[in-house]
Amino acid sequence: MRALSLTFLCCLLAIGCGQMAPAGPYEGLNAPQFVAPLVSGGSLSLSKLQGKPVVLVFWASWCGPCRYEVPHVNALFRSVGESAYVVGVNAGEDQATVAEGIRALQIEYPVVLDANGAIVRAYEASALPMVIVLDPEGRVRYRGNTWPSRIHAIVDGLRQEGPP
């Protein structure tokens, strides 16, 4: 009887654990977590941003399409105010280069450093720019290598959904 009870308990635990969504950088999956230094000082923990939509923009100062997207990202950052987060993830450049890129491109949103490429690898960002939109629970809802023309609709829809 005791062995049967233990087996039943193990099955319940396995079923309960199986309900968790897997992590990964693709739509429908829980976004890979990271803590990274902000160029402006301090650090940013992705898990602390849950509760609001998050737009991650992977970029580099040498990337022409990334440079082209900056005004669009700035506009989104200004329009969402405190109802969503917009975060740049610099792909592999040192702090001085990133700081100069932020100044030259007039980037208004916070930017984290990924000098060793750990975040880029976790998100499998093999080409730049890469845009990832997370819902308030931290699931990937959009992934693409171009700035989506419907980014405002995507973010607005996620802001209206809110947390469960």
Protein backbone atom coordinates (compact mmCIF):
# COMPACT_ATOMS: atom_id res chain seq x y z
CA MET A 1 0.00 0.00 0.00
CA ARG A 2 2.82 2.38 0.89
CA ALA A 3 4.57 1.67 -2.44
CA LEU A 4 1.32 2.36 -4.28
CA SER A 5 0.86 5.67 -2.43
CA LEU A 6 4.44 6.70 -3.24
CA THR A 7 3.95 5.83 -6.91
CA PHE A 8 0.71 7.83 -7.00
CA LEU A 9 2.44 10.85 -5.40
CA CYS A 10 5.31 10.69 -7.91
CA CYS A 11 2.82 10.59 -10.80
CA LEU A 12 1.00 13.65 -9.45
CA LEU A 13 4.28 15.54 -9.13
CA ALA A 14 5.30 14.61 -12.67
CA ILE A 15 1.96 15.74 -14.05
CA GLY A 16 2.13 19.02 -12.12
CA CYS A 17 5.67 19.72 -13.25
CA GLY A 18 4.72 18.94 -16.82
CA GLN A 19 2.30 21.89 -16.83
CA MET A 20 5.12 24.43 -16.89
CA ALA A 21 5.75 25.93 -20.32
CA PRO A 22 9.22 25.23 -21.68
CA ALA A 23 11.71 28.07 -22.00
CA GLY A 24 13.10 29.19 -25.33
CA PRO A 25 13.36 32.15 -27.68
CA TYR A 26 10.41 31.22 -29.90
CA GLU A 27 6.74 32.19 -29.95
CA GLY A 28 4.68 30.56 -27.22
CA LEU A 29 7.68 29.69 -25.04
CA ASN A 30 8.79 31.35 -21.83
CA ALA A 31 11.57 33.80 -22.65
CA PRO A 32 15.08 32.91 -21.48
CA GLN A 33 15.86 34.91 -18.34
CA PHE A 34 18.88 37.16 -17.98
CA VAL A 35 20.47 39.76 -15.75
CA ALA A 36 22.71 42.20 -17.59
CA PRO A 37 24.47 45.50 -16.93
CA LEU A 38 22.77 48.64 -18.16
CA VAL A 39 24.97 51.06 -20.09
CA SER A 40 23.59 53.84 -17.87
CA GLY A 41 24.66 51.96 -14.72
CA GLY A 42 23.12 49.29 -12.55
CA SER A 43 21.64 46.14 -14.00
CA LEU A 44 18.41 44.87 -15.51
CA SER A 45 16.76 41.57 -14.61
CA LEU A 46 14.25 40.40 -17.19
CA SER A 47 12.23 38.57 -14.52
CA LYS A 48 11.60 41.89 -12.71
CA LEU A 49 9.84 43.21 -15.82
CA GLN A 50 7.04 40.64 -15.72
CA GLY A 51 3.57 42.12 -15.41
CA LYS A 52 3.93 44.37 -18.49
CA PRO A 53 4.75 43.66 -22.13
CA VAL A 54 8.48 43.80 -22.96
CA VAL A 55 10.02 44.63 -26.33
CA LEU A 56 13.64 43.46 -26.65
CA VAL A 57 15.58 44.94 -29.56
CA PHE A 58 18.90 43.22 -30.33
CA TRP A 59 21.25 45.61 -32.13
CA ALA A 60 24.84 46.72 -32.76
CA SER A 61 26.24 50.12 -33.70
CA TRP A 62 27.75 48.78 -36.95
CA CYS A 63 24.40 47.31 -38.13
CA GLY A 64 22.77 49.49 -40.82
CA PRO A 65 19.22 48.12 -40.38
CA CYS A 66 19.59 48.51 -36.59
CA ARG A 67 20.50 52.15 -37.04
CA TYR A 68 17.48 52.63 -39.32
CA GLU A 69 15.13 51.20 -36.65
CA VAL A 70 16.24 53.49 -33.80
CA PRO A 71 13.71 56.31 -34.52
CA HIS A 72 10.90 53.72 -34.63
CA VAL A 73 12.04 52.15 -31.35
CA ASN A 74 12.35 55.61 -29.77
CA ALA A 75 8.79 56.42 -30.89
CA LEU A 76 7.46 53.20 -29.37
CA PHE A 77 9.39 53.84 -26.14
CA ARG A 78 7.82 57.30 -25.86
CA SER A 79 4.31 56.11 -26.75
CA VAL A 80 4.08 53.21 -24.28
CA GLY A 81 5.24 55.26 -21.31
CA GLU A 82 5.12 53.11 -18.19
CA SER A 83 2.60 50.60 -19.58
CA ALA A 84 5.31 48.46 -21.27
CA TYR A 85 9.08 48.12 -21.35
CA VAL A 86 11.37 48.70 -24.32
CA VAL A 87 14.94 47.45 -23.87
CA GLY A 88 17.86 47.42 -26.28
CA VAL A 89 20.25 44.47 -26.09
CA ASN A 90 23.60 45.36 -27.60
CA ALA A 91 25.14 42.36 -29.30
CA GLY A 92 28.77 41.96 -28.35
CA GLU A 93 30.23 45.46 -28.30
CA ASP A 94 32.23 46.97 -25.42
CA GLN A 95 30.73 49.63 -23.16
CA ALA A 96 32.59 52.58 -24.75
CA THR A 97 31.44 51.62 -28.26
CA VAL A 98 27.86 51.10 -27.08
CA ALA A 99 27.81 54.41 -25.19
CA GLU A 100 29.08 56.21 -28.30
CA GLY A 101 26.44 54.43 -30.43
CA ILE A 102 23.69 55.46 -28.00
CA ARG A 103 24.87 59.07 -28.17
CA ALA A 104 25.31 59.15 -31.96
CA LEU A 105 22.01 57.42 -32.68
CA GLN A 106 20.15 59.34 -29.95
CA ILE A 107 18.78 56.15 -28.38
CA GLU A 108 16.25 57.06 -25.67
CA TYR A 109 15.41 53.60 -24.27
CA PRO A 110 17.54 51.61 -21.79
CA VAL A 111 20.26 49.41 -23.28
CA VAL A 112 21.91 46.38 -21.69
CA LEU A 113 25.37 45.11 -22.55
CA ASP A 114 25.87 41.59 -23.82
CA ALA A 115 29.62 41.77 -24.35
CA ASN A 116 30.15 38.00 -24.04
CA GLY A 117 27.14 37.10 -26.22
CA ALA A 118 25.29 35.04 -23.60
CA ILE A 119 21.93 36.75 -24.22
CA VAL A 120 22.36 36.61 -28.00
CA ARG A 121 23.03 32.86 -27.73
CA ALA A 122 20.09 32.28 -25.37
CA TYR A 123 17.77 34.04 -27.83
CA GLU A 124 19.43 32.51 -30.87
CA ALA A 125 19.76 35.96 -32.43
CA SER A 126 21.81 34.91 -35.44
CA ALA A 127 21.04 38.08 -37.43
CA LEU A 128 20.52 41.70 -36.42
CA PRO A 129 18.32 43.45 -35.76
CA MET A 130 16.18 40.99 -33.84
CA VAL A 131 12.92 42.08 -32.20
CA ILE A 132 11.33 39.95 -29.49
CA VAL A 133 8.00 40.90 -27.87
CA LEU A 134 7.07 39.28 -24.57
CA ASP A 135 3.64 39.24 -23.00
CA PRO A 136 3.17 40.29 -19.35
CA GLU A 137 3.83 36.69 -18.22
CA GLY A 138 7.17 36.55 -20.03
CA ARG A 139 6.14 34.40 -23.01
CA VAL A 140 7.46 35.19 -26.47
CA ARG A 141 4.62 36.56 -28.61
CA TYR A 142 6.60 37.94 -31.56
CA ARG A 143 10.05 37.23 -32.99
CA GLY A 144 11.45 38.76 -36.16
CA ASN A 145 14.46 40.32 -37.83
CA THR A 146 12.65 43.48 -38.86
CA TRP A 147 10.69 46.11 -37.02
CA PRO A 148 7.07 44.93 -37.36
CA SER A 149 4.76 47.45 -38.99
CA ARG A 150 2.10 46.43 -36.47
CA ILE A 151 4.32 46.74 -33.35
CA HIS A 152 1.91 49.22 -31.74
CA ALA A 153 -1.02 46.85 -32.26
CA ILE A 154 0.98 43.94 -30.82
CA VAL A 155 2.04 45.85 -27.71
CA ASP A 156 -1.38 47.49 -27.26
CA GLY A 157 -3.06 44.09 -27.41
CA LEU A 158 -0.70 42.72 -24.78
CA ARG A 159 -1.20 45.75 -22.54
CA GLN A 160 -4.97 45.25 -22.69
CA GLU A 161 -4.65 41.53 -21.93
CA GLY A 162 -2.58 42.18 -18.83
CA PRO A 163 -1.65 39.50 -16.34
CA PRO A 164 -4.17 36.74 -15.58
